[in-house]
Amino acid sequence: MSIVWTKNLEVGVTLIDEQHKKLFEKADRLFEAGKNGKSKESIVQMFDFMDNYTKTHFRDEEKYMQSINYPNLNTQKQMHQNFINKLAELKKEYDTNGANITVIINADSFIIDWLTNHISIEDKKIGEYVRKLK
């Protein structure tokens, strides 16, 4: 399983699109590390990166949405918090159970599904809103 950035996921806001690309790149590295049996330390570092980077990205994205008076800001904030909570759950499950196939598949599936669905549905609305402002 891998996660690949495609042009159709572009929101149309450079900062957001660049950060999304970076998220996809790092998420893919996390999956590859798990799939290839990399050391626990390597996988933990990738989980930590995903946690830190998503928090930074969400903060930047929310700040941008606030600057343009985006009407769905609170909904986005709640979705972002739900992702952060679930990622923490997955990391805890990994810490407890190790790199078994179920943990890796659950992490892969959740992150891939959430990122692609959230970006292609919710974040695209930000781009649409921005285009209407012009």
N, C-alpha and C. Protein backbone atom coordinates (compact mmCIF):
# COMPACT_ATOMS: atom_id res chain seq x y z
N MET A 1 0.86 -1.18 0.00
CA MET A 1 0.00 0.00 0.00
C MET A 1 0.90 1.23 0.00
N SER A 2 0.59 2.16 -0.85
CA SER A 2 1.36 3.40 -0.83
C SER A 2 0.41 4.57 -1.03
N ILE A 3 0.93 5.72 -0.74
CA ILE A 3 0.13 6.94 -0.85
C ILE A 3 0.89 7.88 -1.77
N VAL A 4 0.24 8.29 -2.84
CA VAL A 4 0.91 9.09 -3.85
C VAL A 4 0.11 10.37 -4.09
N TRP A 5 0.82 11.49 -4.07
CA TRP A 5 0.21 12.78 -4.37
C TRP A 5 -0.11 12.83 -5.86
N THR A 6 -1.29 13.28 -6.19
CA THR A 6 -1.64 13.49 -7.60
C THR A 6 -2.16 14.91 -7.77
N LYS A 7 -2.03 15.41 -8.96
CA LYS A 7 -2.41 16.79 -9.27
C LYS A 7 -3.88 17.07 -8.96
N ASN A 8 -4.74 16.06 -9.08
CA ASN A 8 -6.17 16.28 -8.83
C ASN A 8 -6.47 16.55 -7.35
N LEU A 9 -5.46 16.42 -6.47
CA LEU A 9 -5.65 16.74 -5.05
C LEU A 9 -5.30 18.19 -4.74
N GLU A 10 -4.83 18.92 -5.73
CA GLU A 10 -4.49 20.33 -5.50
C GLU A 10 -5.72 21.12 -5.10
N VAL A 11 -5.52 21.95 -4.08
CA VAL A 11 -6.59 22.81 -3.57
C VAL A 11 -6.60 24.14 -4.33
N GLY A 12 -5.41 24.58 -4.74
CA GLY A 12 -5.30 25.85 -5.44
C GLY A 12 -4.75 26.95 -4.55
N VAL A 13 -4.29 26.58 -3.35
CA VAL A 13 -3.64 27.50 -2.43
C VAL A 13 -2.23 26.95 -2.22
N THR A 14 -1.22 27.68 -2.69
CA THR A 14 0.15 27.17 -2.74
C THR A 14 0.64 26.62 -1.41
N LEU A 15 0.49 27.37 -0.33
CA LEU A 15 0.96 26.91 0.98
C LEU A 15 0.33 25.57 1.35
N ILE A 16 -0.96 25.46 1.18
CA ILE A 16 -1.68 24.24 1.55
C ILE A 16 -1.24 23.09 0.64
N ASP A 17 -1.16 23.33 -0.66
CA ASP A 17 -0.77 22.27 -1.59
C ASP A 17 0.64 21.77 -1.32
N GLU A 18 1.57 22.65 -1.04
CA GLU A 18 2.95 22.24 -0.76
C GLU A 18 3.02 21.40 0.52
N GLN A 19 2.28 21.81 1.52
CA GLN A 19 2.28 21.04 2.76
C GLN A 19 1.60 19.69 2.57
N HIS A 20 0.55 19.63 1.79
CA HIS A 20 -0.10 18.35 1.51
C HIS A 20 0.87 17.41 0.80
N LYS A 21 1.62 17.92 -0.17
CA LYS A 21 2.60 17.08 -0.87
C LYS A 21 3.60 16.49 0.11
N LYS A 22 4.07 17.30 1.03
CA LYS A 22 5.04 16.86 2.04
C LYS A 22 4.41 15.79 2.94
N LEU A 23 3.15 15.98 3.31
CA LEU A 23 2.45 14.99 4.12
C LEU A 23 2.38 13.65 3.41
N PHE A 24 2.05 13.68 2.14
CA PHE A 24 1.96 12.45 1.36
C PHE A 24 3.32 11.76 1.29
N GLU A 25 4.36 12.54 1.06
CA GLU A 25 5.71 11.98 0.98
C GLU A 25 6.09 11.29 2.29
N LYS A 26 5.84 11.95 3.40
CA LYS A 26 6.21 11.39 4.70
C LYS A 26 5.32 10.21 5.08
N ALA A 27 4.05 10.29 4.76
CA ALA A 27 3.14 9.17 5.04
C ALA A 27 3.60 7.95 4.26
N ASP A 28 3.99 8.14 3.02
CA ASP A 28 4.46 7.02 2.21
C ASP A 28 5.72 6.40 2.82
N ARG A 29 6.61 7.24 3.35
CA ARG A 29 7.82 6.72 4.00
C ARG A 29 7.48 5.90 5.23
N LEU A 30 6.47 6.36 5.98
CA LEU A 30 6.03 5.62 7.15
C LEU A 30 5.53 4.23 6.74
N PHE A 31 4.72 4.18 5.70
CA PHE A 31 4.19 2.90 5.24
C PHE A 31 5.31 1.99 4.76
N GLU A 32 6.24 2.55 3.99
CA GLU A 32 7.35 1.76 3.48
C GLU A 32 8.21 1.22 4.62
N ALA A 33 8.43 2.04 5.63
CA ALA A 33 9.23 1.60 6.79
C ALA A 33 8.56 0.41 7.46
N GLY A 34 7.27 0.50 7.66
CA GLY A 34 6.54 -0.61 8.28
C GLY A 34 6.53 -1.84 7.42
N LYS A 35 6.31 -1.66 6.14
CA LYS A 35 6.24 -2.77 5.21
C LYS A 35 7.58 -3.48 5.07
N ASN A 36 8.66 -2.73 5.13
CA ASN A 36 9.99 -3.30 4.93
C ASN A 36 10.66 -3.71 6.23
N GLY A 37 9.90 -3.72 7.32
CA GLY A 37 10.43 -4.19 8.59
C GLY A 37 11.55 -3.33 9.16
N LYS A 38 11.48 -2.04 8.92
CA LYS A 38 12.50 -1.13 9.46
C LYS A 38 12.47 -1.18 10.99
N SER A 39 13.50 -0.67 11.58
CA SER A 39 13.61 -0.72 13.03
C SER A 39 12.46 0.04 13.68
N LYS A 40 12.15 -0.37 14.89
CA LYS A 40 11.09 0.29 15.65
C LYS A 40 11.39 1.78 15.78
N GLU A 41 12.66 2.12 16.00
CA GLU A 41 13.05 3.52 16.16
C GLU A 41 12.70 4.32 14.91
N SER A 42 12.93 3.75 13.75
CA SER A 42 12.64 4.43 12.48
C SER A 42 11.14 4.68 12.34
N ILE A 43 10.34 3.69 12.68
CA ILE A 43 8.89 3.84 12.56
C ILE A 43 8.37 4.85 13.59
N VAL A 44 8.90 4.79 14.80
CA VAL A 44 8.49 5.76 15.84
C VAL A 44 8.84 7.17 15.40
N GLN A 45 10.01 7.35 14.79
CA GLN A 45 10.40 8.68 14.29
C GLN A 45 9.42 9.17 13.23
N MET A 46 8.98 8.27 12.36
CA MET A 46 8.04 8.66 11.32
C MET A 46 6.67 9.00 11.92
N PHE A 47 6.23 8.22 12.91
CA PHE A 47 4.98 8.55 13.60
C PHE A 47 5.09 9.93 14.23
N ASP A 48 6.22 10.18 14.90
CA ASP A 48 6.43 11.48 15.55
C ASP A 48 6.43 12.60 14.52
N PHE A 49 7.08 12.36 13.37
CA PHE A 49 7.08 13.38 12.32
C PHE A 49 5.66 13.65 11.85
N MET A 50 4.90 12.58 11.56
CA MET A 50 3.52 12.76 11.09
C MET A 50 2.71 13.55 12.11
N ASP A 51 2.89 13.23 13.38
CA ASP A 51 2.16 13.93 14.43
C ASP A 51 2.54 15.41 14.43
N ASN A 52 3.83 15.70 14.46
CA ASN A 52 4.28 17.10 14.49
C ASN A 52 3.92 17.85 13.23
N TYR A 53 4.12 17.22 12.08
CA TYR A 53 3.87 17.91 10.81
C TYR A 53 2.39 18.17 10.61
N THR A 54 1.55 17.20 10.94
CA THR A 54 0.11 17.45 10.76
C THR A 54 -0.35 18.57 11.68
N LYS A 55 0.17 18.62 12.90
CA LYS A 55 -0.21 19.71 13.80
C LYS A 55 0.23 21.06 13.23
N THR A 56 1.43 21.13 12.69
CA THR A 56 1.91 22.36 12.06
C THR A 56 1.05 22.72 10.85
N HIS A 57 0.81 21.72 10.01
CA HIS A 57 0.00 21.95 8.81
C HIS A 57 -1.40 22.41 9.19
N PHE A 58 -2.02 21.72 10.12
CA PHE A 58 -3.38 22.09 10.51
C PHE A 58 -3.42 23.51 11.08
N ARG A 59 -2.43 23.85 11.90
CA ARG A 59 -2.36 25.20 12.45
C ARG A 59 -2.24 26.23 11.33
N ASP A 60 -1.34 25.98 10.36
CA ASP A 60 -1.17 26.90 9.23
C ASP A 60 -2.43 27.00 8.39
N GLU A 61 -3.04 25.86 8.14
CA GLU A 61 -4.26 25.83 7.32
C GLU A 61 -5.39 26.57 8.04
N GLU A 62 -5.52 26.36 9.33
CA GLU A 62 -6.57 27.03 10.10
C GLU A 62 -6.33 28.54 10.17
N LYS A 63 -5.07 28.92 10.30
CA LYS A 63 -4.72 30.35 10.31
C LYS A 63 -5.09 30.98 8.96
N TYR A 64 -4.80 30.27 7.88
CA TYR A 64 -5.15 30.76 6.54
C TYR A 64 -6.67 30.88 6.41
N MET A 65 -7.39 29.84 6.84
CA MET A 65 -8.85 29.88 6.74
C MET A 65 -9.42 31.05 7.54
N GLN A 66 -8.84 31.30 8.70
CA GLN A 66 -9.29 32.42 9.52
C GLN A 66 -9.03 33.74 8.80
N SER A 67 -7.89 33.84 8.12
CA SER A 67 -7.53 35.10 7.44
C SER A 67 -8.48 35.42 6.29
N ILE A 68 -9.11 34.40 5.72
CA ILE A 68 -10.04 34.64 4.61
C ILE A 68 -11.50 34.54 5.07
N ASN A 69 -11.70 34.44 6.39
CA ASN A 69 -13.04 34.28 6.96
C ASN A 69 -13.78 33.07 6.39
N TYR A 70 -13.08 31.96 6.30
CA TYR A 70 -13.66 30.74 5.76
C TYR A 70 -14.81 30.27 6.66
N PRO A 71 -16.00 30.09 6.10
CA PRO A 71 -17.18 29.79 6.93
C PRO A 71 -17.16 28.42 7.62
N ASN A 72 -16.40 27.46 7.11
CA ASN A 72 -16.38 26.12 7.70
C ASN A 72 -15.15 25.88 8.58
N LEU A 73 -14.56 26.94 9.08
CA LEU A 73 -13.35 26.82 9.89
C LEU A 73 -13.55 25.90 11.10
N ASN A 74 -14.61 26.07 11.84
CA ASN A 74 -14.81 25.24 13.04
C ASN A 74 -14.99 23.77 12.70
N THR A 75 -15.66 23.48 11.61
CA THR A 75 -15.81 22.09 11.17
C THR A 75 -14.44 21.51 10.82
N GLN A 76 -13.64 22.29 10.10
CA GLN A 76 -12.29 21.84 9.74
C GLN A 76 -11.46 21.59 11.01
N LYS A 77 -11.54 22.50 11.96
CA LYS A 77 -10.78 22.33 13.21
C LYS A 77 -11.15 21.02 13.89
N GLN A 78 -12.42 20.70 13.93
CA GLN A 78 -12.87 19.45 14.57
C GLN A 78 -12.34 18.24 13.81
N MET A 79 -12.38 18.28 12.49
CA MET A 79 -11.86 17.16 11.69
C MET A 79 -10.35 17.00 11.93
N HIS A 80 -9.66 18.11 11.99
CA HIS A 80 -8.20 18.07 12.24
C HIS A 80 -7.92 17.45 13.61
N GLN A 81 -8.68 17.85 14.61
CA GLN A 81 -8.47 17.30 15.96
C GLN A 81 -8.75 15.80 15.98
N ASN A 82 -9.78 15.38 15.27
CA ASN A 82 -10.11 13.95 15.20
C ASN A 82 -8.96 13.17 14.57
N PHE A 83 -8.33 13.74 13.54
CA PHE A 83 -7.19 13.07 12.90
C PHE A 83 -6.03 12.95 13.89
N ILE A 84 -5.72 14.03 14.59
CA ILE A 84 -4.62 14.04 15.56
C ILE A 84 -4.88 12.99 16.65
N ASN A 85 -6.12 12.91 17.13
CA ASN A 85 -6.47 11.92 18.15
C ASN A 85 -6.30 10.49 17.64
N LYS A 86 -6.76 10.24 16.42
CA LYS A 86 -6.66 8.89 15.85
C LYS A 86 -5.21 8.52 15.59
N LEU A 87 -4.41 9.46 15.12
CA LEU A 87 -2.99 9.20 14.90
C LEU A 87 -2.31 8.83 16.22
N ALA A 88 -2.66 9.53 17.29
CA ALA A 88 -2.10 9.23 18.62
C ALA A 88 -2.52 7.82 19.06
N GLU A 89 -3.76 7.45 18.77
CA GLU A 89 -4.25 6.11 19.08
C GLU A 89 -3.45 5.05 18.34
N LEU A 90 -3.21 5.29 17.06
CA LEU A 90 -2.45 4.34 16.24
C LEU A 90 -1.01 4.20 16.75
N LYS A 91 -0.41 5.32 17.14
CA LYS A 91 0.96 5.28 17.67
C LYS A 91 0.98 4.49 18.98
N LYS A 92 -0.02 4.72 19.82
CA LYS A 92 -0.09 3.99 21.09
C LYS A 92 -0.26 2.49 20.82
N GLU A 93 -1.10 2.15 19.84
CA GLU A 93 -1.29 0.75 19.47
C GLU A 93 0.02 0.15 18.98
N TYR A 94 0.78 0.92 18.21
CA TYR A 94 2.08 0.46 17.72
C TYR A 94 3.04 0.27 18.90
N ASP A 95 3.06 1.23 19.82
CA ASP A 95 3.94 1.13 20.99
C ASP A 95 3.60 -0.10 21.84
N THR A 96 2.32 -0.40 21.93
CA THR A 96 1.86 -1.53 22.75
C THR A 96 2.06 -2.87 22.04
N ASN A 97 1.67 -2.94 20.77
CA ASN A 97 1.63 -4.22 20.06
C ASN A 97 2.78 -4.44 19.09
N GLY A 98 3.58 -3.41 18.88
CA GLY A 98 4.69 -3.56 17.93
C GLY A 98 4.21 -3.46 16.50
N ALA A 99 5.11 -3.78 15.61
CA ALA A 99 4.86 -3.61 14.17
C ALA A 99 4.19 -4.83 13.57
N ASN A 100 3.11 -5.28 14.19
CA ASN A 100 2.42 -6.42 13.57
C ASN A 100 1.63 -5.93 12.36
N ILE A 101 1.29 -6.85 11.52
CA ILE A 101 0.66 -6.51 10.23
C ILE A 101 -0.65 -5.77 10.41
N THR A 102 -1.43 -6.10 11.44
CA THR A 102 -2.71 -5.43 11.67
C THR A 102 -2.51 -3.96 12.00
N VAL A 103 -1.55 -3.67 12.85
CA VAL A 103 -1.28 -2.28 13.23
C VAL A 103 -0.84 -1.48 12.00
N ILE A 104 0.05 -2.06 11.21
CA ILE A 104 0.55 -1.36 10.02
C ILE A 104 -0.57 -1.14 9.00
N ILE A 105 -1.39 -2.15 8.76
CA ILE A 105 -2.50 -2.01 7.81
C ILE A 105 -3.50 -0.97 8.31
N ASN A 106 -3.81 -0.99 9.60
CA ASN A 106 -4.74 0.00 10.16
C ASN A 106 -4.20 1.41 10.00
N ALA A 107 -2.92 1.60 10.29
CA ALA A 107 -2.31 2.93 10.14
C ALA A 107 -2.32 3.37 8.69
N ASP A 108 -1.90 2.47 7.81
CA ASP A 108 -1.88 2.78 6.38
C ASP A 108 -3.26 3.18 5.88
N SER A 109 -4.23 2.33 6.16
CA SER A 109 -5.59 2.57 5.66
C SER A 109 -6.16 3.87 6.19
N PHE A 110 -6.03 4.09 7.49
CA PHE A 110 -6.59 5.30 8.08
C PHE A 110 -5.96 6.54 7.47
N ILE A 111 -4.64 6.59 7.42
CA ILE A 111 -3.96 7.80 6.94
C ILE A 111 -4.26 8.04 5.46
N ILE A 112 -4.18 6.99 4.65
CA ILE A 112 -4.47 7.14 3.22
C ILE A 112 -5.91 7.62 3.01
N ASP A 113 -6.85 6.92 3.64
CA ASP A 113 -8.26 7.28 3.46
C ASP A 113 -8.54 8.70 3.96
N TRP A 114 -8.03 9.02 5.15
CA TRP A 114 -8.32 10.33 5.72
C TRP A 114 -7.73 11.43 4.86
N LEU A 115 -6.45 11.31 4.52
CA LEU A 115 -5.81 12.37 3.76
C LEU A 115 -6.47 12.57 2.40
N THR A 116 -6.66 11.48 1.67
CA THR A 116 -7.23 11.64 0.32
C THR A 116 -8.67 12.14 0.39
N ASN A 117 -9.47 11.61 1.30
CA ASN A 117 -10.86 12.06 1.40
C ASN A 117 -10.96 13.49 1.92
N HIS A 118 -10.19 13.79 2.96
CA HIS A 118 -10.26 15.13 3.54
C HIS A 118 -9.81 16.19 2.53
N ILE A 119 -8.72 15.91 1.86
CA ILE A 119 -8.21 16.89 0.89
C ILE A 119 -9.16 17.02 -0.30
N SER A 120 -9.58 15.88 -0.86
CA SER A 120 -10.38 15.93 -2.08
C SER A 120 -11.80 16.45 -1.84
N ILE A 121 -12.27 16.38 -0.61
CA ILE A 121 -13.62 16.87 -0.33
C ILE A 121 -13.57 18.19 0.46
N GLU A 122 -13.02 18.15 1.65
CA GLU A 122 -13.07 19.31 2.54
C GLU A 122 -12.10 20.43 2.14
N ASP A 123 -10.85 20.08 1.90
CA ASP A 123 -9.87 21.13 1.59
C ASP A 123 -10.10 21.74 0.22
N LYS A 124 -10.64 20.98 -0.69
CA LYS A 124 -10.96 21.55 -2.01
C LYS A 124 -11.98 22.69 -1.87
N LYS A 125 -12.83 22.59 -0.86
CA LYS A 125 -13.82 23.65 -0.62
C LYS A 125 -13.13 24.98 -0.28
N ILE A 126 -11.96 24.90 0.35
CA ILE A 126 -11.20 26.12 0.66
C ILE A 126 -10.80 26.79 -0.65
N GLY A 127 -10.27 26.02 -1.57
CA GLY A 127 -9.88 26.55 -2.87
C GLY A 127 -11.06 27.16 -3.62
N GLU A 128 -12.19 26.47 -3.56
CA GLU A 128 -13.39 26.99 -4.22
C GLU A 128 -13.80 28.32 -3.59
N TYR A 129 -13.75 28.40 -2.29
CA TYR A 129 -14.11 29.62 -1.57
C TYR A 129 -13.17 30.76 -1.97
N VAL A 130 -11.86 30.47 -2.03
CA VAL A 130 -10.88 31.49 -2.40
C VAL A 130 -11.14 32.00 -3.82
N ARG A 131 -11.45 31.09 -4.73
CA ARG A 131 -11.72 31.51 -6.12
C ARG A 131 -12.95 32.42 -6.21
N LYS A 132 -13.94 32.18 -5.36
CA LYS A 132 -15.13 33.03 -5.33
C LYS A 132 -14.81 34.43 -4.79
N LEU A 133 -13.79 34.52 -3.93
CA LEU A 133 -13.42 35.82 -3.36
C LEU A 133 -12.78 36.73 -4.41
N LYS A 134 -12.21 36.14 -5.44
CA LYS A 134 -11.47 36.94 -6.44
C LYS A 134 -12.39 37.60 -7.43
